[in-house]
Amino acid sequence: MANRLDFTKKTALVSMLCEGNSIRAIERMTGIHRDTIMRLGVRVGQGCKTIMDERFRNLPCRLIQVDEMWGFIGAKQKTVLRENLGPEYGDVWVWVALDAGTKLVPTFVTGARDGYHADALMEDLASRLTQRPQITSDGLSAYTDAVERAFGAQVDYASVIKTFAIKTTEETRRYSPPEVVSIKKVAVAGQPDMEVASTCYVEKQNHTVRMHCRRLSRLTNAFSKKRENFDAAVALHYAYYNFCKIHKTIRCTPAMQAGVENSQWTVADFVGMVEGK
């Protein structure tokens, strides 16, 4: 059982999860049963979500970029429809906000790619900021109403609309993104600075998530069997990213750059907070 492991082993297991090792790989390396590793990961991940909710308040973040990242629970949506699986299975999206200045991820939401979850992301983001932000998103229409409902007139909002080339039959057989034909920036609300209106940082951060969170890696057989596991894994990654991982651009952790923390955390720090050590 996870609660019988000593603190050093718990820290080692969580560190391996944070660095992108699969649960079965950790089981092979440590000899600890995968169910024990999973329960520990879920418990620490849920605790990390609580820690971030409490600490990420009154943030000075100004240049916010938002995006969505696809994943799935149990089976991909087309399989769920074909085999008539339950509503707990299918596609799930990670909605994420990132501050381009501090590289902090102040909030994220998991769920469907719809207006409800766009509202949830923006309302939570608005509750954490202390100043008028500039927000940049892709062309997803759900953002427009969500930004207005959450911020009213107290926001500068721009949309970056990318036009992609139509893929040929041969290209669809390979896993590669389509070519970007054109990029158009549109001022949607307020007076956004179009020079800095971009989603490049949050898109790069999505790559970081997929490299560190095994169940979100591309073209693998790793996936979550339960929504609880998925949510905990995503929260664990963002806690590690915000508090522990030194960002090469700013040469400190995002939490330090944002003034949330004075020093870099270790994995043992938040494992100890969750596990009561």
Protein backbone atom coordinates (compact mmCIF):
# COMPACT_ATOMS: atom_id res chain seq x y z
CA MET A 1 0.00 0.00 0.00
CA ALA A 2 1.15 3.54 -0.81
CA ASN A 3 0.62 4.69 2.78
CA ARG A 4 3.14 2.07 3.99
CA LEU A 5 5.96 3.33 1.81
CA ASP A 6 8.57 5.44 3.51
CA PHE A 7 8.84 9.09 2.54
CA THR A 8 11.99 8.62 0.46
CA LYS A 9 10.33 6.00 -1.72
CA LYS A 10 7.21 8.14 -2.15
CA THR A 11 9.34 11.07 -3.28
CA ALA A 12 11.26 8.87 -5.73
CA LEU A 13 8.04 7.47 -7.22
CA VAL A 14 6.47 10.90 -7.67
CA SER A 15 9.72 12.24 -9.17
CA MET A 16 9.64 9.47 -11.78
CA LEU A 17 6.02 10.29 -12.62
CA CYS A 18 6.89 13.99 -12.97
CA GLU A 19 9.70 13.18 -15.40
CA GLY A 20 7.45 11.24 -17.76
CA ASN A 21 8.04 7.62 -16.75
CA SER A 22 5.07 5.32 -17.24
CA ILE A 23 3.55 3.57 -14.24
CA ARG A 24 4.50 0.12 -15.53
CA ALA A 25 8.07 1.28 -16.19
CA ILE A 26 8.30 2.55 -12.61
CA GLU A 27 6.90 -0.77 -11.41
CA ARG A 28 9.65 -2.63 -13.27
CA MET A 29 12.39 -0.32 -11.97
CA THR A 30 11.29 -0.27 -8.33
CA GLY A 31 9.40 -3.52 -7.79
CA ILE A 32 6.47 -1.55 -6.31
CA HIS A 33 3.05 -2.60 -7.60
CA ARG A 34 1.48 -0.36 -10.22
CA ASP A 35 -1.73 0.02 -8.19
CA THR A 36 0.27 1.42 -5.28
CA ILE A 37 2.04 3.84 -7.61
CA MET A 38 -1.27 4.91 -9.14
CA ARG A 39 -2.93 5.55 -5.78
CA LEU A 40 0.04 7.60 -4.62
CA GLY A 41 0.06 9.59 -7.86
CA VAL A 42 -3.66 10.35 -7.62
CA ARG A 43 -3.41 11.42 -4.00
CA VAL A 44 -0.41 13.69 -4.58
CA GLY A 45 -1.90 15.06 -7.80
CA GLN A 46 -5.13 16.02 -6.05
CA GLY A 47 -3.12 17.63 -3.27
CA CYS A 48 -1.10 19.60 -5.82
CA LYS A 49 -4.30 20.98 -7.33
CA THR A 50 -5.32 22.25 -3.88
CA ILE A 51 -1.89 23.80 -3.31
CA MET A 52 -2.03 25.70 -6.61
CA ASP A 53 -5.61 26.84 -5.99
CA GLU A 54 -4.57 28.32 -2.66
CA ARG A 55 -1.27 29.93 -3.68
CA PHE A 56 -2.09 31.31 -7.11
CA ARG A 57 -4.02 34.36 -5.96
CA ASN A 58 -3.45 38.10 -6.56
CA LEU A 59 -1.11 37.34 -9.45
CA PRO A 60 0.60 40.13 -11.41
CA CYS A 61 0.32 38.23 -14.72
CA ARG A 62 -0.33 40.52 -17.67
CA LEU A 63 0.21 38.76 -21.03
CA ILE A 64 -1.97 35.65 -20.94
CA GLN A 65 -2.00 33.03 -23.69
CA VAL A 66 -4.66 30.29 -23.70
CA ASP A 67 -4.99 27.04 -25.61
CA GLU A 68 -6.55 23.57 -25.48
CA MET A 69 -4.81 20.20 -25.58
CA TRP A 70 -6.47 16.93 -26.55
CA GLY A 71 -6.41 13.65 -24.63
CA PHE A 72 -8.80 10.77 -23.98
CA ILE A 73 -10.12 8.53 -21.21
CA GLY A 74 -10.36 4.79 -21.86
CA ALA A 75 -10.84 5.08 -25.62
CA LYS A 76 -10.86 7.69 -28.35
CA GLN A 77 -14.20 9.24 -29.18
CA LYS A 78 -14.70 7.36 -32.44
CA THR A 79 -14.21 4.05 -30.58
CA VAL A 80 -16.64 5.12 -27.87
CA LEU A 81 -19.31 5.84 -30.49
CA ARG A 82 -18.64 2.67 -32.48
CA GLU A 83 -18.69 0.34 -29.46
CA ASN A 84 -21.35 2.28 -27.51
CA LEU A 85 -19.17 2.71 -24.43
CA GLY A 86 -20.26 4.68 -21.37
CA PRO A 87 -20.16 8.48 -20.97
CA GLU A 88 -17.10 8.24 -18.72
CA TYR A 89 -15.00 7.34 -21.78
CA GLY A 90 -13.88 9.40 -24.76
CA ASP A 91 -12.12 12.64 -25.57
CA VAL A 92 -11.07 15.06 -22.85
CA TRP A 93 -9.36 18.43 -23.28
CA VAL A 94 -6.95 20.35 -21.09
CA TRP A 95 -7.72 24.08 -21.20
CA VAL A 96 -4.65 25.98 -20.07
CA ALA A 97 -3.66 29.60 -19.46
CA LEU A 98 -0.01 30.67 -19.43
CA ASP A 99 1.57 34.02 -18.61
CA ALA A 100 4.11 34.89 -21.30
CA GLY A 101 6.14 37.07 -18.92
CA THR A 102 6.63 34.76 -15.95
CA LYS A 103 5.90 31.47 -17.80
CA LEU A 104 3.51 30.61 -14.93
CA VAL A 105 0.47 28.43 -15.55
CA PRO A 106 -2.00 30.09 -13.15
CA THR A 107 -4.95 27.87 -13.98
CA PHE A 108 -6.13 24.97 -16.10
CA VAL A 109 -9.41 23.12 -16.62
CA THR A 110 -10.11 19.61 -17.93
CA GLY A 111 -13.28 18.66 -19.79
CA ALA A 112 -15.04 18.93 -23.12
CA ARG A 113 -14.07 21.43 -25.81
CA ASP A 114 -17.14 23.60 -25.37
CA GLY A 115 -18.40 26.93 -24.11
CA TYR A 116 -19.00 25.68 -20.57
CA HIS A 117 -15.35 24.81 -20.01
CA ALA A 118 -14.15 27.96 -21.78
CA ASP A 119 -16.25 29.90 -19.24
CA ALA A 120 -14.79 27.87 -16.37
CA LEU A 121 -11.23 28.64 -17.48
CA MET A 122 -11.81 32.37 -17.91
CA GLU A 123 -13.80 32.83 -14.72
CA ASP A 124 -11.12 31.08 -12.69
CA LEU A 125 -8.39 33.08 -14.42
CA ALA A 126 -10.19 36.37 -13.72
CA SER A 127 -10.43 35.53 -10.01
CA ARG A 128 -6.62 35.19 -9.75
CA LEU A 129 -5.35 38.36 -11.46
CA THR A 130 -4.74 41.80 -9.96
CA GLN A 131 -4.49 43.87 -13.14
CA ARG A 132 -6.09 44.23 -16.55
CA PRO A 133 -4.68 41.43 -18.73
CA GLN A 134 -4.10 41.04 -22.42
CA ILE A 135 -5.39 37.63 -23.49
CA THR A 136 -4.54 35.89 -26.75
CA SER A 137 -6.28 32.73 -27.96
CA ASP A 138 -6.63 30.75 -31.16
CA GLY A 139 -9.72 31.14 -33.33
CA LEU A 140 -12.03 28.95 -31.20
CA SER A 141 -15.30 30.87 -31.01
CA ALA A 142 -16.08 29.75 -27.43
CA TYR A 143 -13.37 32.09 -26.12
CA THR A 144 -15.08 35.28 -27.27
CA ASP A 145 -18.15 34.98 -25.05
CA ALA A 146 -16.13 33.43 -22.20
CA VAL A 147 -13.69 36.35 -22.06
CA GLU A 148 -16.52 38.88 -22.11
CA ARG A 149 -18.47 37.14 -19.34
CA ALA A 150 -15.42 36.76 -17.09
CA PHE A 151 -13.71 40.14 -17.60
CA GLY A 152 -16.37 42.45 -19.02
CA ALA A 153 -14.66 45.57 -20.36
CA GLN A 154 -11.56 45.08 -18.20
CA VAL A 155 -9.55 43.12 -20.76
CA ASP A 156 -7.60 43.49 -23.99
CA TYR A 157 -8.28 40.42 -26.10
CA ALA A 158 -6.84 39.30 -29.43
CA SER A 159 -7.33 36.17 -31.50
CA VAL A 160 -4.68 34.51 -33.68
CA ILE A 161 -6.35 32.72 -36.58
CA LYS A 162 -4.24 30.23 -38.51
CA THR A 163 -5.18 28.88 -41.93
CA PHE A 164 -3.84 25.41 -42.68
CA ALA A 165 -3.18 23.75 -46.00
CA ILE A 166 -5.48 20.90 -46.99
CA LYS A 167 -3.66 17.62 -46.48
CA THR A 168 -3.35 15.16 -49.35
CA THR A 169 -4.27 11.48 -49.01
CA GLU A 170 -0.60 10.58 -48.67
CA GLU A 171 -0.03 13.21 -45.96
CA THR A 172 -2.96 11.96 -43.86
CA ARG A 173 -1.22 8.59 -43.54
CA ARG A 174 1.64 10.24 -41.67
CA TYR A 175 1.46 11.91 -38.28
CA SER A 176 2.49 15.46 -39.02
CA PRO A 177 0.71 18.78 -38.59
CA PRO A 178 -0.56 20.48 -41.75
CA GLU A 179 1.35 23.41 -43.17
CA VAL A 180 0.32 26.85 -41.93
CA VAL A 181 -0.65 28.91 -44.98
CA SER A 182 -1.43 32.20 -43.23
CA ILE A 183 -1.73 33.79 -39.78
CA LYS A 184 -4.18 36.59 -39.06
CA LYS A 185 -4.34 38.58 -35.81
CA VAL A 186 -7.69 40.08 -34.86
CA ALA A 187 -8.36 42.57 -32.05
CA VAL A 188 -11.54 41.26 -30.43
CA ALA A 189 -11.95 43.46 -27.34
CA GLY A 190 -10.21 46.46 -25.79
CA GLN A 191 -6.92 47.65 -27.23
CA PRO A 192 -4.56 44.67 -27.38
CA ASP A 193 -0.94 45.19 -28.39
CA MET A 194 -0.87 43.24 -31.64
CA GLU A 195 2.94 43.08 -31.59
CA VAL A 196 2.85 40.71 -28.61
CA ALA A 197 -0.43 38.96 -29.46
CA SER A 198 0.66 35.34 -29.85
CA THR A 199 0.01 31.78 -28.68
CA CYS A 200 3.57 30.51 -29.26
CA TYR A 201 4.50 30.19 -25.58
CA VAL A 202 1.42 28.23 -24.57
CA GLU A 203 1.78 25.98 -27.62
CA LYS A 204 5.38 25.25 -26.61
CA GLN A 205 4.17 24.58 -23.08
CA ASN A 206 1.75 22.00 -24.45
CA HIS A 207 4.77 20.20 -25.86
CA THR A 208 6.36 20.28 -22.40
CA VAL A 209 3.24 18.68 -20.92
CA ARG A 210 3.28 15.86 -23.45
CA MET A 211 6.97 15.18 -22.75
CA HIS A 212 6.48 15.01 -18.97
CA CYS A 213 2.97 13.57 -18.60
CA ARG A 214 3.04 10.08 -20.06
CA ARG A 215 -0.68 9.70 -20.67
CA LEU A 216 -0.68 12.78 -22.90
CA SER A 217 2.27 11.69 -25.07
CA ARG A 218 1.57 11.39 -28.78
CA LEU A 219 1.44 8.04 -30.59
CA THR A 220 1.85 5.78 -27.57
CA ASN A 221 -0.35 3.19 -25.89
CA ALA A 222 -0.37 5.23 -22.65
CA PHE A 223 -3.75 6.63 -21.62
CA SER A 224 -5.94 7.15 -18.56
CA LYS A 225 -8.60 4.60 -17.66
CA LYS A 226 -10.37 6.97 -15.26
CA ARG A 227 -11.03 10.71 -15.32
CA GLU A 228 -9.77 10.92 -11.73
CA ASN A 229 -6.39 9.56 -12.83
CA PHE A 230 -6.19 11.97 -15.77
CA ASP A 231 -6.99 15.04 -13.67
CA ALA A 232 -4.48 14.08 -10.99
CA ALA A 233 -1.71 13.46 -13.53
CA VAL A 234 -2.27 16.87 -15.17
CA ALA A 235 -2.29 18.64 -11.78
CA LEU A 236 0.89 16.82 -10.74
CA HIS A 237 2.64 17.98 -13.90
CA TYR A 238 1.64 21.62 -13.52
CA ALA A 239 2.74 21.68 -9.88
CA TYR A 240 6.11 20.27 -10.89
CA TYR A 241 6.36 22.74 -13.78
CA ASN A 242 5.38 25.80 -11.72
CA PHE A 243 7.28 25.11 -8.51
CA CYS A 244 10.16 22.71 -9.28
CA LYS A 245 11.32 22.97 -12.88
CA ILE A 246 13.85 25.69 -13.73
CA HIS A 247 12.75 27.47 -16.91
CA LYS A 248 15.78 28.09 -19.13
CA THR A 249 14.52 31.47 -20.35
CA ILE A 250 13.95 33.05 -16.94
CA ARG A 251 16.53 30.87 -15.07
CA CYS A 252 14.22 30.17 -12.17
CA THR A 253 10.87 28.50 -11.62
CA PRO A 254 7.72 30.23 -12.92
CA ALA A 255 6.40 30.50 -9.35
CA MET A 256 9.54 32.39 -8.33
CA GLN A 257 9.33 34.71 -11.34
CA ALA A 258 5.69 35.49 -10.52
CA GLY A 259 6.56 36.26 -6.89
CA VAL A 260 4.54 33.36 -5.52
CA GLU A 261 7.60 31.66 -4.00
CA ASN A 262 11.07 32.84 -2.96
CA SER A 263 12.92 29.63 -3.79
CA GLN A 264 12.78 26.52 -5.92
CA TRP A 265 10.74 23.63 -4.53
CA THR A 266 11.77 20.01 -4.64
CA VAL A 267 9.40 17.13 -5.27
CA ALA A 268 9.86 16.22 -1.60
CA ASP A 269 8.39 19.61 -0.63
CA PHE A 270 4.98 19.09 -2.15
CA VAL A 271 4.93 15.35 -1.42
CA GLY A 272 5.55 16.29 2.21
CA MET A 273 2.75 18.87 2.18
CA VAL A 274 0.28 16.35 0.75
CA GLU A 275 1.43 13.40 2.83
CA GLY A 276 1.81 15.35 6.06
CA LYS A 277 5.60 15.13 6.44
